[in-house]
Protein backbone atom coordinates (compact mmCIF):
# COMPACT_ATOMS: atom_id res chain seq x y z
CA MET A 1 -5.47 8.06 0.56
CA LYS A 2 -3.17 7.21 -1.52
CA TYR A 3 -0.07 5.16 -0.15
CA GLN A 4 2.74 4.38 -3.00
CA CYS A 5 5.38 1.48 -2.41
CA PRO A 6 9.34 2.52 -3.71
CA CYS A 7 8.94 0.37 -6.79
CA GLY A 8 6.31 3.19 -7.81
CA TYR A 9 2.69 0.80 -7.07
CA ILE A 10 -0.17 2.85 -5.60
CA TYR A 11 -2.43 1.28 -3.37
CA ASP A 12 -5.70 3.41 -3.24
CA GLU A 13 -8.18 2.69 -0.23
CA GLU A 14 -10.52 4.37 -2.02
CA LYS A 15 -10.45 1.89 -5.26
CA GLU A 16 -9.56 -1.33 -2.73
CA GLY A 17 -12.48 -0.85 -0.47
CA VAL A 18 -10.42 -1.42 2.40
CA LYS A 19 -7.84 1.14 4.38
CA PHE A 20 -4.25 0.81 4.64
CA GLU A 21 -4.19 0.57 8.18
CA ASP A 22 -6.79 -2.10 8.04
CA LEU A 23 -4.21 -3.93 5.99
CA PRO A 24 -2.70 -7.04 7.93
CA ALA A 25 1.15 -6.12 8.58
CA ASP A 26 2.02 -9.04 6.56
CA TYR A 27 0.53 -6.81 3.85
CA GLU A 28 2.95 -7.35 0.65
CA CYS A 29 3.17 -5.01 -2.08
CA PRO A 30 1.69 -7.25 -5.81
CA GLU A 31 4.13 -6.00 -7.28
CA CYS A 32 7.36 -6.32 -6.27
CA GLY A 33 6.79 -8.53 -2.50
CA LEU A 34 7.97 -5.32 -0.60
CA GLY A 35 6.19 -5.59 2.94
CA LYS A 36 3.75 -2.42 4.41
CA ASP A 37 6.21 -0.92 6.41
CA VAL A 38 7.76 1.07 3.75
CA PHE A 39 4.91 2.63 1.97
CA GLU A 40 4.71 6.34 1.64
CA PRO A 41 1.24 8.59 1.69
CA ALA A 42 0.85 9.68 -1.31
CA GLU A 43 -0.20 12.87 -3.34
């Protein structure tokens, strides 16, 4: 599964090796710093 930040960054669970839901609540986008709550599922 992949999740996308509004800035365009894609978090790829398979590539990262960690499920998005298992990331800490204070996870931030590495590109723009937005919180995990703004990420949307990506196709």
